[in-house]
Amino acid sequence: MTTADKLRRYITAEVVWTGPVSDLTDDYPLLDNEVFDSMALMQMLAFIEEEFDVEIDDVELTPRHWRTIADIAALVESKLPS
């Protein structure tokens, strides 16, 4: 399972996602469509840090890292050991 798939699975299971799963593509605009509120974003952050054993720095909590599943996956993958 890819990083993006794990993130998508989390969003559909734990975040209030009311649309069809097929709409939740890697490039679906999460922030523009208000998929995350502040609480959901913090819960997603906790999931990422635990699931992938990475630490997301406060300076990385900017919209450019959280716009889409692809953006979040890229951030996570940049933190993984090579």
N, C-alpha and C. Protein backbone atom coordinates (compact mmCIF):
# COMPACT_ATOMS: atom_id res chain seq x y z
N MET A 1 0.86 -1.17 0.00
CA MET A 1 0.00 0.00 0.00
C MET A 1 0.90 1.23 0.00
N THR A 2 0.58 2.18 -0.86
CA THR A 2 1.39 3.39 -0.96
C THR A 2 1.07 4.34 0.19
N THR A 3 1.93 5.33 0.35
CA THR A 3 1.69 6.38 1.35
C THR A 3 0.36 7.06 1.07
N ALA A 4 0.12 7.41 -0.18
CA ALA A 4 -1.14 8.08 -0.54
C ALA A 4 -2.34 7.20 -0.21
N ASP A 5 -2.24 5.90 -0.45
CA ASP A 5 -3.34 4.99 -0.14
C ASP A 5 -3.63 4.94 1.36
N LYS A 6 -2.58 4.93 2.17
CA LYS A 6 -2.76 4.92 3.63
C LYS A 6 -3.42 6.21 4.09
N LEU A 7 -3.01 7.34 3.51
CA LEU A 7 -3.61 8.63 3.87
C LEU A 7 -5.08 8.67 3.46
N ARG A 8 -5.38 8.20 2.26
CA ARG A 8 -6.75 8.17 1.76
C ARG A 8 -7.62 7.29 2.66
N ARG A 9 -7.10 6.12 3.03
CA ARG A 9 -7.83 5.21 3.91
C ARG A 9 -8.14 5.89 5.25
N TYR A 10 -7.16 6.62 5.79
CA TYR A 10 -7.38 7.32 7.05
C TYR A 10 -8.47 8.39 6.89
N ILE A 11 -8.39 9.16 5.82
CA ILE A 11 -9.38 10.23 5.61
C ILE A 11 -10.78 9.65 5.49
N THR A 12 -10.93 8.57 4.75
CA THR A 12 -12.27 8.01 4.57
C THR A 12 -12.79 7.35 5.84
N ALA A 13 -11.89 6.86 6.69
CA ALA A 13 -12.30 6.18 7.91
C ALA A 13 -12.47 7.12 9.11
N GLU A 14 -11.63 8.13 9.20
CA GLU A 14 -11.57 8.92 10.42
C GLU A 14 -12.01 10.38 10.28
N VAL A 15 -11.93 10.93 9.09
CA VAL A 15 -12.33 12.32 8.86
C VAL A 15 -13.74 12.28 8.28
N VAL A 16 -14.50 13.30 8.51
CA VAL A 16 -15.85 13.33 7.98
C VAL A 16 -15.78 13.52 6.47
N TRP A 17 -15.77 12.39 5.75
CA TRP A 17 -15.74 12.41 4.29
C TRP A 17 -17.10 11.93 3.81
N THR A 18 -17.84 12.79 3.14
CA THR A 18 -19.20 12.44 2.73
C THR A 18 -19.30 12.10 1.25
N GLY A 19 -18.25 12.33 0.51
CA GLY A 19 -18.29 12.05 -0.92
C GLY A 19 -17.89 10.63 -1.23
N PRO A 20 -18.04 10.24 -2.50
CA PRO A 20 -17.59 8.92 -2.90
C PRO A 20 -16.07 8.81 -2.80
N VAL A 21 -15.59 7.65 -2.41
CA VAL A 21 -14.15 7.44 -2.28
C VAL A 21 -13.44 7.71 -3.60
N SER A 22 -14.12 7.42 -4.71
CA SER A 22 -13.51 7.64 -6.03
C SER A 22 -13.19 9.11 -6.28
N ASP A 23 -13.87 10.04 -5.60
CA ASP A 23 -13.58 11.47 -5.74
C ASP A 23 -12.30 11.87 -5.01
N LEU A 24 -11.88 11.08 -4.06
CA LEU A 24 -10.73 11.42 -3.21
C LEU A 24 -9.44 10.97 -3.90
N THR A 25 -9.15 11.62 -5.01
CA THR A 25 -7.95 11.32 -5.78
C THR A 25 -6.73 11.95 -5.12
N ASP A 26 -5.56 11.61 -5.61
CA ASP A 26 -4.33 12.18 -5.06
C ASP A 26 -4.31 13.70 -5.19
N ASP A 27 -4.99 14.23 -6.20
CA ASP A 27 -4.97 15.67 -6.46
C ASP A 27 -6.25 16.40 -6.03
N TYR A 28 -7.13 15.72 -5.32
CA TYR A 28 -8.35 16.35 -4.84
C TYR A 28 -7.99 17.47 -3.88
N PRO A 29 -8.51 18.69 -4.08
CA PRO A 29 -8.15 19.83 -3.22
C PRO A 29 -8.79 19.74 -1.83
N LEU A 30 -8.07 19.16 -0.90
CA LEU A 30 -8.59 18.93 0.45
C LEU A 30 -8.92 20.23 1.17
N LEU A 31 -8.01 21.18 1.13
CA LEU A 31 -8.23 22.43 1.85
C LEU A 31 -9.31 23.28 1.20
N ASP A 32 -9.28 23.37 -0.13
CA ASP A 32 -10.29 24.16 -0.84
C ASP A 32 -11.69 23.62 -0.60
N ASN A 33 -11.81 22.31 -0.40
CA ASN A 33 -13.10 21.68 -0.17
C ASN A 33 -13.39 21.43 1.30
N GLU A 34 -12.57 22.02 2.15
CA GLU A 34 -12.77 21.99 3.61
C GLU A 34 -12.94 20.57 4.16
N VAL A 35 -12.10 19.67 3.67
CA VAL A 35 -12.11 18.30 4.19
C VAL A 35 -11.61 18.28 5.63
N PHE A 36 -10.64 19.14 5.93
CA PHE A 36 -10.08 19.21 7.28
C PHE A 36 -10.54 20.47 7.98
N ASP A 37 -10.98 20.32 9.23
CA ASP A 37 -11.06 21.47 10.11
C ASP A 37 -9.79 21.39 10.97
N SER A 38 -9.61 22.31 11.89
CA SER A 38 -8.36 22.32 12.66
C SER A 38 -8.19 21.05 13.49
N MET A 39 -9.26 20.52 14.03
CA MET A 39 -9.17 19.31 14.83
C MET A 39 -8.80 18.11 13.96
N ALA A 40 -9.44 18.00 12.81
CA ALA A 40 -9.15 16.89 11.89
C ALA A 40 -7.71 16.96 11.40
N LEU A 41 -7.21 18.16 11.19
CA LEU A 41 -5.83 18.31 10.74
C LEU A 41 -4.86 17.84 11.83
N MET A 42 -5.14 18.16 13.07
CA MET A 42 -4.27 17.72 14.17
C MET A 42 -4.35 16.21 14.35
N GLN A 43 -5.52 15.63 14.15
CA GLN A 43 -5.66 14.18 14.24
C GLN A 43 -4.90 13.49 13.10
N MET A 44 -4.97 14.10 11.91
CA MET A 44 -4.23 13.56 10.76
C MET A 44 -2.74 13.63 11.04
N LEU A 45 -2.28 14.71 11.62
CA LEU A 45 -0.88 14.88 11.97
C LEU A 45 -0.44 13.78 12.94
N ALA A 46 -1.24 13.53 13.95
CA ALA A 46 -0.91 12.48 14.92
C ALA A 46 -0.87 11.11 14.24
N PHE A 47 -1.82 10.85 13.36
CA PHE A 47 -1.83 9.59 12.61
C PHE A 47 -0.55 9.45 11.79
N ILE A 48 -0.17 10.49 11.08
CA ILE A 48 1.02 10.45 10.23
C ILE A 48 2.27 10.16 11.07
N GLU A 49 2.41 10.88 12.17
CA GLU A 49 3.61 10.70 12.99
C GLU A 49 3.68 9.29 13.57
N GLU A 50 2.54 8.73 13.94
CA GLU A 50 2.54 7.38 14.50
C GLU A 50 2.67 6.32 13.40
N GLU A 51 1.89 6.43 12.35
CA GLU A 51 1.87 5.42 11.29
C GLU A 51 3.20 5.31 10.55
N PHE A 52 3.82 6.47 10.29
CA PHE A 52 5.03 6.48 9.48
C PHE A 52 6.31 6.70 10.30
N ASP A 53 6.14 6.87 11.61
CA ASP A 53 7.27 7.10 12.51
C ASP A 53 8.14 8.26 12.03
N VAL A 54 7.48 9.39 11.76
CA VAL A 54 8.16 10.61 11.35
C VAL A 54 7.69 11.74 12.24
N GLU A 55 8.44 12.83 12.23
CA GLU A 55 8.04 14.02 12.98
C GLU A 55 7.83 15.16 11.99
N ILE A 56 6.65 15.75 12.05
CA ILE A 56 6.33 16.89 11.21
C ILE A 56 6.60 18.15 12.03
N ASP A 57 7.47 19.00 11.51
CA ASP A 57 7.82 20.23 12.21
C ASP A 57 6.70 21.26 12.08
N ASP A 58 6.61 22.14 13.06
CA ASP A 58 5.59 23.19 13.03
C ASP A 58 5.66 24.02 11.75
N VAL A 59 6.86 24.29 11.26
CA VAL A 59 7.02 25.11 10.05
C VAL A 59 6.46 24.40 8.82
N GLU A 60 6.21 23.11 8.93
CA GLU A 60 5.65 22.35 7.81
C GLU A 60 4.13 22.29 7.84
N LEU A 61 3.53 22.93 8.81
CA LEU A 61 2.07 22.99 8.90
C LEU A 61 1.56 24.19 8.10
N THR A 62 1.91 24.20 6.84
CA THR A 62 1.50 25.26 5.93
C THR A 62 0.62 24.68 4.84
N PRO A 63 -0.23 25.48 4.24
CA PRO A 63 -1.14 24.96 3.22
C PRO A 63 -0.45 24.21 2.08
N ARG A 64 0.75 24.60 1.70
CA ARG A 64 1.38 23.94 0.55
C ARG A 64 1.66 22.46 0.81
N HIS A 65 1.78 22.06 2.06
CA HIS A 65 2.02 20.65 2.39
C HIS A 65 0.73 19.86 2.60
N TRP A 66 -0.41 20.54 2.69
CA TRP A 66 -1.66 19.89 3.09
C TRP A 66 -2.79 20.07 2.09
N ARG A 67 -2.51 20.63 0.90
CA ARG A 67 -3.55 20.88 -0.11
C ARG A 67 -4.20 19.61 -0.64
N THR A 68 -3.37 18.60 -0.90
CA THR A 68 -3.86 17.37 -1.53
C THR A 68 -3.22 16.16 -0.85
N ILE A 69 -3.74 15.00 -1.14
CA ILE A 69 -3.12 13.78 -0.64
C ILE A 69 -1.71 13.66 -1.21
N ALA A 70 -1.52 14.04 -2.45
CA ALA A 70 -0.19 13.98 -3.07
C ALA A 70 0.79 14.88 -2.31
N ASP A 71 0.35 16.07 -1.91
CA ASP A 71 1.22 16.98 -1.15
C ASP A 71 1.59 16.39 0.20
N ILE A 72 0.61 15.83 0.89
CA ILE A 72 0.87 15.23 2.21
C ILE A 72 1.80 14.03 2.06
N ALA A 73 1.54 13.20 1.06
CA ALA A 73 2.39 12.02 0.83
C ALA A 73 3.82 12.44 0.53
N ALA A 74 4.00 13.49 -0.26
CA ALA A 74 5.35 13.97 -0.57
C ALA A 74 6.06 14.43 0.70
N LEU A 75 5.35 15.12 1.57
CA LEU A 75 5.93 15.56 2.84
C LEU A 75 6.35 14.35 3.67
N VAL A 76 5.45 13.39 3.80
CA VAL A 76 5.74 12.19 4.59
C VAL A 76 6.95 11.46 4.01
N GLU A 77 6.93 11.24 2.71
CA GLU A 77 8.02 10.50 2.06
C GLU A 77 9.35 11.23 2.15
N SER A 78 9.33 12.55 2.24
CA SER A 78 10.58 13.30 2.39
C SER A 78 11.21 13.08 3.76
N LYS A 79 10.38 12.61 4.71
CA LYS A 79 10.84 12.37 6.08
C LYS A 79 11.30 10.94 6.30
N LEU A 80 10.95 10.04 5.41
CA LEU A 80 11.30 8.62 5.58
C LEU A 80 12.76 8.39 5.26
N PRO A 81 13.38 7.45 5.96
CA PRO A 81 14.78 7.14 5.63
C PRO A 81 14.87 6.58 4.20
N SER A 82 15.97 6.91 3.54
CA SER A 82 16.10 6.44 2.15
C SER A 82 16.53 5.02 2.05
